[in-house]
N, C-alpha and C. Protein backbone atom coordinates (compact mmCIF):
# COMPACT_ATOMS: atom_id res chain seq x y z
N UNK A 1 -0.37 20.28 16.10
CA UNK A 1 0.14 19.12 15.41
C UNK A 1 1.67 19.15 15.50
N UNK A 2 2.27 18.06 15.97
CA UNK A 2 3.72 18.03 16.07
C UNK A 2 4.36 17.75 14.71
N UNK A 3 5.68 17.89 14.66
CA UNK A 3 6.41 17.75 13.40
C UNK A 3 6.25 16.36 12.79
N UNK A 4 6.30 15.31 13.61
CA UNK A 4 6.15 13.95 13.10
C UNK A 4 4.75 13.75 12.50
N UNK A 5 3.75 14.23 13.19
CA UNK A 5 2.37 14.11 12.69
C UNK A 5 2.21 14.86 11.38
N UNK A 6 2.81 16.05 11.29
CA UNK A 6 2.72 16.84 10.05
C UNK A 6 3.40 16.11 8.89
N UNK A 7 4.56 15.54 9.14
CA UNK A 7 5.26 14.80 8.09
C UNK A 7 4.45 13.58 7.65
N UNK A 8 3.87 12.87 8.61
CA UNK A 8 3.06 11.70 8.26
C UNK A 8 1.82 12.12 7.47
N UNK A 9 1.26 13.25 7.79
CA UNK A 9 0.11 13.75 7.02
C UNK A 9 0.54 14.07 5.59
N UNK A 10 1.73 14.69 5.45
CA UNK A 10 2.23 15.05 4.11
C UNK A 10 2.55 13.82 3.26
N UNK A 11 2.79 12.67 3.88
CA UNK A 11 3.03 11.45 3.11
C UNK A 11 1.84 11.10 2.23
N UNK A 12 0.67 11.58 2.60
CA UNK A 12 -0.56 11.24 1.88
C UNK A 12 -1.11 12.42 1.09
N UNK A 13 -0.31 13.44 0.90
CA UNK A 13 -0.70 14.59 0.09
C UNK A 13 -0.80 14.15 -1.37
N UNK A 14 -1.64 14.80 -2.15
CA UNK A 14 -1.78 14.40 -3.55
C UNK A 14 -0.62 14.87 -4.43
N UNK A 15 0.22 15.77 -3.92
CA UNK A 15 1.38 16.23 -4.66
C UNK A 15 2.58 15.32 -4.37
N UNK A 16 3.11 14.68 -5.41
CA UNK A 16 4.22 13.74 -5.23
C UNK A 16 5.44 14.39 -4.60
N UNK A 17 5.77 15.62 -4.98
CA UNK A 17 6.94 16.29 -4.40
C UNK A 17 6.78 16.49 -2.90
N UNK A 18 5.58 16.82 -2.46
CA UNK A 18 5.31 16.97 -1.03
C UNK A 18 5.47 15.64 -0.32
N UNK A 19 4.94 14.57 -0.92
CA UNK A 19 5.10 13.24 -0.33
C UNK A 19 6.57 12.84 -0.25
N UNK A 20 7.32 13.12 -1.31
CA UNK A 20 8.73 12.72 -1.35
C UNK A 20 9.54 13.47 -0.29
N UNK A 21 9.27 14.77 -0.12
CA UNK A 21 9.97 15.54 0.93
C UNK A 21 9.67 14.96 2.31
N UNK A 22 8.41 14.61 2.55
CA UNK A 22 8.04 14.04 3.85
C UNK A 22 8.73 12.70 4.06
N UNK A 23 8.75 11.85 3.05
CA UNK A 23 9.39 10.55 3.18
C UNK A 23 10.88 10.70 3.44
N UNK A 24 11.52 11.62 2.75
CA UNK A 24 12.96 11.85 2.95
C UNK A 24 13.24 12.27 4.40
N UNK A 25 12.42 13.18 4.92
CA UNK A 25 12.59 13.62 6.31
C UNK A 25 12.33 12.49 7.30
N UNK A 26 11.30 11.71 7.04
CA UNK A 26 10.99 10.59 7.94
C UNK A 26 12.07 9.50 7.86
N UNK A 27 12.60 9.26 6.67
CA UNK A 27 13.66 8.26 6.51
C UNK A 27 14.90 8.67 7.29
N UNK A 28 15.21 9.96 7.31
CA UNK A 28 16.35 10.44 8.10
C UNK A 28 16.12 10.18 9.58
N UNK A 29 14.91 10.41 10.03
CA UNK A 29 14.56 10.13 11.43
C UNK A 29 14.63 8.63 11.72
N UNK A 30 14.25 7.83 10.75
CA UNK A 30 14.21 6.38 10.95
C UNK A 30 15.60 5.82 11.25
N UNK A 31 16.63 6.50 10.80
CA UNK A 31 18.00 6.02 11.06
C UNK A 31 18.35 6.08 12.54
N UNK A 32 17.67 6.95 13.29
CA UNK A 32 17.96 7.10 14.72
C UNK A 32 16.80 6.65 15.60
N UNK A 33 15.76 6.09 14.99
CA UNK A 33 14.58 5.66 15.73
C UNK A 33 14.58 4.15 15.87
N UNK A 34 14.19 3.68 17.02
CA UNK A 34 14.06 2.25 17.23
C UNK A 34 12.62 1.87 16.90
N UNK A 35 12.45 1.07 15.87
CA UNK A 35 11.12 0.59 15.48
C UNK A 35 10.86 -0.72 16.20
N UNK A 36 9.60 -1.11 16.28
CA UNK A 36 9.32 -2.41 16.90
C UNK A 36 10.10 -3.51 16.18
N UNK A 37 10.58 -4.46 16.96
CA UNK A 37 11.28 -5.58 16.34
C UNK A 37 10.31 -6.31 15.41
N UNK A 38 10.75 -6.59 14.20
CA UNK A 38 9.88 -7.24 13.22
C UNK A 38 9.56 -8.66 13.64
N UNK A 39 8.29 -8.92 13.90
CA UNK A 39 7.92 -10.30 14.17
C UNK A 39 8.07 -11.14 12.91
N UNK A 40 8.37 -12.38 13.06
CA UNK A 40 8.60 -13.25 11.92
C UNK A 40 7.36 -13.35 11.03
N UNK A 41 6.17 -13.39 11.59
CA UNK A 41 4.97 -13.65 10.80
C UNK A 41 4.03 -12.45 10.69
N UNK A 42 4.44 -11.25 11.03
CA UNK A 42 3.55 -10.09 10.93
C UNK A 42 3.77 -9.38 9.60
N UNK A 43 2.74 -9.41 8.76
CA UNK A 43 2.83 -8.76 7.46
C UNK A 43 1.44 -8.44 6.96
N UNK A 44 1.35 -7.57 5.97
CA UNK A 44 0.09 -7.28 5.30
C UNK A 44 0.39 -7.16 3.81
N UNK A 45 -0.06 -8.13 3.05
CA UNK A 45 0.20 -8.14 1.61
C UNK A 45 -1.04 -7.72 0.81
N UNK A 46 -2.00 -7.09 1.49
CA UNK A 46 -3.24 -6.68 0.83
C UNK A 46 -3.57 -5.23 1.23
N UNK A 47 -2.75 -4.29 0.79
CA UNK A 47 -2.95 -2.87 1.10
C UNK A 47 -3.41 -2.13 -0.16
N UNK A 48 -4.35 -1.21 0.02
CA UNK A 48 -4.84 -0.37 -1.07
C UNK A 48 -4.42 1.07 -0.80
N UNK A 49 -3.83 1.72 -1.80
CA UNK A 49 -3.46 3.13 -1.66
C UNK A 49 -4.59 4.00 -2.18
N UNK A 50 -4.36 5.31 -2.15
CA UNK A 50 -5.40 6.21 -2.66
C UNK A 50 -5.57 6.12 -4.18
N UNK A 51 -4.78 5.29 -4.84
CA UNK A 51 -5.02 5.02 -6.26
C UNK A 51 -6.18 4.05 -6.47
N UNK A 52 -6.60 3.36 -5.41
CA UNK A 52 -7.80 2.51 -5.47
C UNK A 52 -9.01 3.39 -5.21
N UNK A 53 -10.12 3.09 -5.86
CA UNK A 53 -11.29 3.96 -5.75
C UNK A 53 -11.86 4.04 -4.34
N UNK A 54 -11.67 3.03 -3.52
CA UNK A 54 -12.27 3.05 -2.19
C UNK A 54 -11.24 2.89 -1.07
N UNK A 55 -10.03 3.36 -1.31
CA UNK A 55 -8.97 3.20 -0.31
C UNK A 55 -9.17 4.17 0.85
N UNK A 56 -8.33 4.03 1.84
CA UNK A 56 -8.43 4.84 3.06
C UNK A 56 -7.68 6.15 2.97
N UNK A 57 -7.20 6.54 1.82
CA UNK A 57 -6.50 7.82 1.69
C UNK A 57 -5.01 7.76 1.90
N UNK A 58 -4.44 6.57 1.98
CA UNK A 58 -2.99 6.44 2.15
C UNK A 58 -2.31 6.39 0.79
N UNK A 59 -1.19 7.08 0.68
CA UNK A 59 -0.37 6.99 -0.52
C UNK A 59 0.47 5.72 -0.43
N UNK A 60 1.09 5.32 -1.54
CA UNK A 60 2.03 4.20 -1.45
C UNK A 60 3.16 4.48 -0.44
N UNK A 61 3.68 5.73 -0.41
CA UNK A 61 4.68 6.09 0.60
C UNK A 61 4.12 5.88 2.00
N UNK A 62 2.88 6.34 2.20
CA UNK A 62 2.26 6.24 3.52
C UNK A 62 2.11 4.80 3.99
N UNK A 63 1.78 3.91 3.07
CA UNK A 63 1.62 2.50 3.42
C UNK A 63 2.95 1.90 3.87
N UNK A 64 4.01 2.17 3.12
CA UNK A 64 5.32 1.62 3.47
C UNK A 64 5.79 2.19 4.81
N UNK A 65 5.60 3.49 5.00
CA UNK A 65 6.00 4.10 6.28
C UNK A 65 5.23 3.47 7.44
N UNK A 66 3.92 3.29 7.28
CA UNK A 66 3.11 2.71 8.34
C UNK A 66 3.58 1.29 8.65
N UNK A 67 3.87 0.51 7.62
CA UNK A 67 4.36 -0.86 7.83
C UNK A 67 5.68 -0.84 8.60
N UNK A 68 6.57 0.07 8.25
CA UNK A 68 7.86 0.19 8.93
C UNK A 68 7.66 0.56 10.40
N UNK A 69 6.80 1.55 10.64
CA UNK A 69 6.55 1.99 12.02
C UNK A 69 5.93 0.89 12.86
N UNK A 70 5.09 0.07 12.24
CA UNK A 70 4.41 -0.99 12.98
C UNK A 70 5.31 -2.22 13.19
N UNK A 71 6.46 -2.23 12.53
CA UNK A 71 7.37 -3.36 12.67
C UNK A 71 6.99 -4.56 11.82
N UNK A 72 6.21 -4.33 10.75
CA UNK A 72 5.85 -5.44 9.89
C UNK A 72 7.08 -5.97 9.15
N UNK A 73 7.08 -7.24 8.86
CA UNK A 73 8.18 -7.86 8.14
C UNK A 73 8.16 -7.49 6.67
N UNK A 74 6.98 -7.24 6.11
CA UNK A 74 6.83 -6.89 4.71
C UNK A 74 5.44 -6.29 4.50
N UNK A 75 5.22 -5.74 3.31
CA UNK A 75 3.90 -5.21 2.95
C UNK A 75 3.68 -5.43 1.46
N UNK A 76 2.42 -5.45 1.07
CA UNK A 76 2.07 -5.63 -0.34
C UNK A 76 1.02 -4.62 -0.78
N UNK A 77 1.22 -4.05 -1.93
CA UNK A 77 0.28 -3.11 -2.53
C UNK A 77 -0.54 -3.83 -3.58
N UNK A 78 -1.87 -3.76 -3.48
CA UNK A 78 -2.75 -4.38 -4.47
C UNK A 78 -3.92 -3.43 -4.76
N UNK A 79 -3.63 -2.34 -5.44
CA UNK A 79 -4.69 -1.39 -5.77
C UNK A 79 -5.68 -2.01 -6.75
N UNK A 80 -6.89 -1.48 -6.73
CA UNK A 80 -7.92 -1.95 -7.65
C UNK A 80 -7.65 -1.45 -9.07
N UNK A 81 -7.46 -2.37 -9.99
CA UNK A 81 -7.47 -2.12 -11.43
C UNK A 81 -6.32 -1.27 -11.98
N UNK A 82 -5.37 -0.86 -11.15
CA UNK A 82 -4.26 -0.02 -11.64
C UNK A 82 -2.94 -0.43 -11.00
N UNK A 83 -1.87 -0.06 -11.69
CA UNK A 83 -0.51 -0.23 -11.14
C UNK A 83 0.13 1.14 -10.89
N UNK A 84 -0.68 2.18 -10.78
CA UNK A 84 -0.18 3.55 -10.68
C UNK A 84 0.74 3.79 -9.48
N UNK A 85 0.55 3.07 -8.39
CA UNK A 85 1.34 3.31 -7.19
C UNK A 85 2.57 2.43 -7.03
N UNK A 86 2.80 1.53 -7.98
CA UNK A 86 3.88 0.54 -7.83
C UNK A 86 5.26 1.18 -7.73
N UNK A 87 5.57 2.12 -8.62
CA UNK A 87 6.91 2.72 -8.61
C UNK A 87 7.16 3.46 -7.28
N UNK A 88 6.16 4.21 -6.84
CA UNK A 88 6.28 4.94 -5.57
C UNK A 88 6.42 3.97 -4.39
N UNK A 89 5.69 2.89 -4.43
CA UNK A 89 5.74 1.88 -3.37
C UNK A 89 7.14 1.29 -3.26
N UNK A 90 7.72 0.91 -4.40
CA UNK A 90 9.08 0.34 -4.39
C UNK A 90 10.13 1.38 -4.01
N UNK A 91 9.93 2.62 -4.41
CA UNK A 91 10.87 3.68 -4.02
C UNK A 91 10.89 3.83 -2.50
N UNK A 92 9.72 3.89 -1.89
CA UNK A 92 9.64 4.02 -0.43
C UNK A 92 10.24 2.80 0.25
N UNK A 93 9.98 1.62 -0.29
CA UNK A 93 10.52 0.39 0.29
C UNK A 93 12.04 0.38 0.29
N UNK A 94 12.62 0.86 -0.81
CA UNK A 94 14.08 0.92 -0.88
C UNK A 94 14.64 1.92 0.12
N UNK A 95 14.03 3.08 0.21
CA UNK A 95 14.49 4.13 1.14
C UNK A 95 14.37 3.66 2.59
N UNK A 96 13.27 2.99 2.91
CA UNK A 96 13.02 2.57 4.29
C UNK A 96 13.51 1.15 4.59
N UNK A 97 14.10 0.50 3.58
CA UNK A 97 14.67 -0.83 3.74
C UNK A 97 13.64 -1.84 4.26
N UNK A 98 12.51 -1.88 3.55
CA UNK A 98 11.45 -2.83 3.89
C UNK A 98 11.13 -3.66 2.65
N UNK A 99 11.21 -4.98 2.72
CA UNK A 99 10.86 -5.79 1.56
C UNK A 99 9.36 -5.69 1.28
N UNK A 100 9.02 -5.55 0.00
CA UNK A 100 7.60 -5.40 -0.39
C UNK A 100 7.33 -6.20 -1.66
N UNK A 101 6.04 -6.35 -1.96
CA UNK A 101 5.57 -6.96 -3.19
C UNK A 101 4.42 -6.10 -3.70
N UNK A 102 4.23 -6.06 -5.02
CA UNK A 102 3.16 -5.24 -5.58
C UNK A 102 2.35 -6.03 -6.59
N UNK A 103 1.09 -5.68 -6.68
CA UNK A 103 0.19 -6.31 -7.61
C UNK A 103 -1.04 -5.45 -7.84
N UNK A 104 -2.11 -6.07 -8.28
CA UNK A 104 -3.38 -5.36 -8.42
C UNK A 104 -4.51 -6.34 -8.14
N UNK A 105 -5.67 -5.78 -7.89
CA UNK A 105 -6.87 -6.57 -7.64
C UNK A 105 -7.95 -6.05 -8.58
N UNK A 106 -8.74 -6.94 -9.11
CA UNK A 106 -9.81 -6.53 -10.02
C UNK A 106 -11.06 -7.37 -9.75
N UNK A 107 -12.18 -6.81 -10.15
CA UNK A 107 -13.46 -7.50 -10.00
C UNK A 107 -14.01 -7.85 -11.38
N UNK A 108 -14.66 -8.98 -11.45
CA UNK A 108 -15.31 -9.41 -12.70
C UNK A 108 -16.74 -9.79 -12.38
N UNK A 109 -17.64 -9.46 -13.30
CA UNK A 109 -19.02 -9.90 -13.17
C UNK A 109 -19.25 -11.04 -14.15
N UNK A 110 -19.75 -12.14 -13.64
CA UNK A 110 -20.02 -13.32 -14.47
C UNK A 110 -21.54 -13.51 -14.53
N UNK A 111 -22.15 -13.10 -15.64
CA UNK A 111 -23.62 -13.14 -15.72
C UNK A 111 -24.21 -14.53 -15.48
N UNK A 112 -23.49 -15.56 -15.87
CA UNK A 112 -24.02 -16.91 -15.67
C UNK A 112 -24.11 -17.30 -14.19
N UNK A 113 -23.46 -16.50 -13.32
CA UNK A 113 -23.52 -16.73 -11.87
C UNK A 113 -24.19 -15.56 -11.15
N UNK A 114 -25.04 -14.82 -11.84
CA UNK A 114 -25.66 -13.60 -11.31
C UNK A 114 -26.50 -13.84 -10.06
N UNK A 115 -26.93 -15.05 -9.82
CA UNK A 115 -27.74 -15.34 -8.64
C UNK A 115 -26.95 -16.04 -7.54
N UNK A 116 -25.63 -16.21 -7.73
CA UNK A 116 -24.82 -16.93 -6.75
C UNK A 116 -23.69 -16.06 -6.23
N UNK A 117 -23.43 -16.15 -4.93
CA UNK A 117 -22.26 -15.49 -4.37
C UNK A 117 -21.04 -16.35 -4.64
N UNK A 118 -20.01 -15.75 -5.19
CA UNK A 118 -18.79 -16.50 -5.53
C UNK A 118 -17.76 -16.28 -4.43
N UNK A 119 -16.91 -15.27 -4.56
CA UNK A 119 -15.94 -15.00 -3.50
C UNK A 119 -16.04 -13.57 -2.97
N UNK A 120 -17.20 -12.96 -3.19
CA UNK A 120 -17.45 -11.61 -2.69
C UNK A 120 -18.81 -11.58 -2.00
N UNK A 121 -18.82 -11.73 -0.68
CA UNK A 121 -20.10 -11.78 0.05
C UNK A 121 -20.99 -10.58 -0.25
N UNK A 122 -22.24 -10.86 -0.54
CA UNK A 122 -23.21 -9.81 -0.80
C UNK A 122 -23.18 -9.25 -2.21
N UNK A 123 -22.33 -9.82 -3.08
CA UNK A 123 -22.24 -9.36 -4.46
C UNK A 123 -22.41 -10.55 -5.41
N UNK A 124 -23.64 -10.97 -5.63
CA UNK A 124 -23.86 -12.12 -6.51
C UNK A 124 -23.26 -11.90 -7.90
N UNK A 125 -22.62 -12.93 -8.41
CA UNK A 125 -22.04 -12.87 -9.75
C UNK A 125 -20.69 -12.18 -9.83
N UNK A 126 -20.23 -11.62 -8.72
CA UNK A 126 -18.95 -10.88 -8.72
C UNK A 126 -17.86 -11.77 -8.16
N UNK A 127 -16.72 -11.76 -8.83
CA UNK A 127 -15.55 -12.49 -8.35
C UNK A 127 -14.35 -11.55 -8.36
N UNK A 128 -13.50 -11.70 -7.37
CA UNK A 128 -12.28 -10.89 -7.26
C UNK A 128 -11.09 -11.72 -7.72
N UNK A 129 -10.18 -11.09 -8.43
CA UNK A 129 -8.96 -11.75 -8.89
C UNK A 129 -7.78 -10.84 -8.59
N UNK A 130 -6.64 -11.45 -8.29
CA UNK A 130 -5.44 -10.67 -7.99
C UNK A 130 -4.27 -11.16 -8.83
N UNK A 131 -3.39 -10.22 -9.13
CA UNK A 131 -2.12 -10.53 -9.76
C UNK A 131 -1.03 -9.92 -8.91
N UNK A 132 0.05 -10.63 -8.66
CA UNK A 132 1.15 -10.09 -7.86
C UNK A 132 2.46 -10.32 -8.59
N UNK A 133 3.49 -9.68 -8.08
CA UNK A 133 4.81 -9.84 -8.63
C UNK A 133 5.19 -8.80 -9.66
N UNK A 134 4.44 -7.70 -9.74
CA UNK A 134 4.80 -6.63 -10.67
C UNK A 134 5.99 -5.86 -10.12
N UNK A 135 6.89 -5.46 -10.99
CA UNK A 135 8.10 -4.78 -10.55
C UNK A 135 8.15 -3.31 -10.94
N UNK A 136 7.24 -2.87 -11.78
CA UNK A 136 7.13 -1.46 -12.11
C UNK A 136 5.74 -1.22 -12.72
N UNK A 137 5.41 0.05 -12.90
CA UNK A 137 4.05 0.36 -13.34
C UNK A 137 3.84 0.20 -14.83
N UNK A 138 4.89 0.19 -15.63
CA UNK A 138 4.71 0.06 -17.09
C UNK A 138 5.51 -1.10 -17.63
């Protein structure tokens, strides 16, 4: 495993200090690295970190780093039911100079619609709702 791969792996470690050290090292490299030119319309405002119960194992730092490496214009964090990753997400965004937005996503069960699919295919009676524009976790 090369040094860059090791640092990127550490971005998703469960220890915040380990993640922060990796981000600091990667941010220093970013100052001398040419990233893809940001396309005007390339963005992802629906990312889940490992604070979501079914996320892909990425930390908020990891999501921002990945967006920067891919040349995205912006990224958005919308973990399920929590704002636990918001502060870390904004910290990484400031360090890596990437504009971001944060929010959360939640599911609701509506018994009166238990036999109908609403906005979640295959989950009758379940509806998803999102809130965005949060600026900190508390």
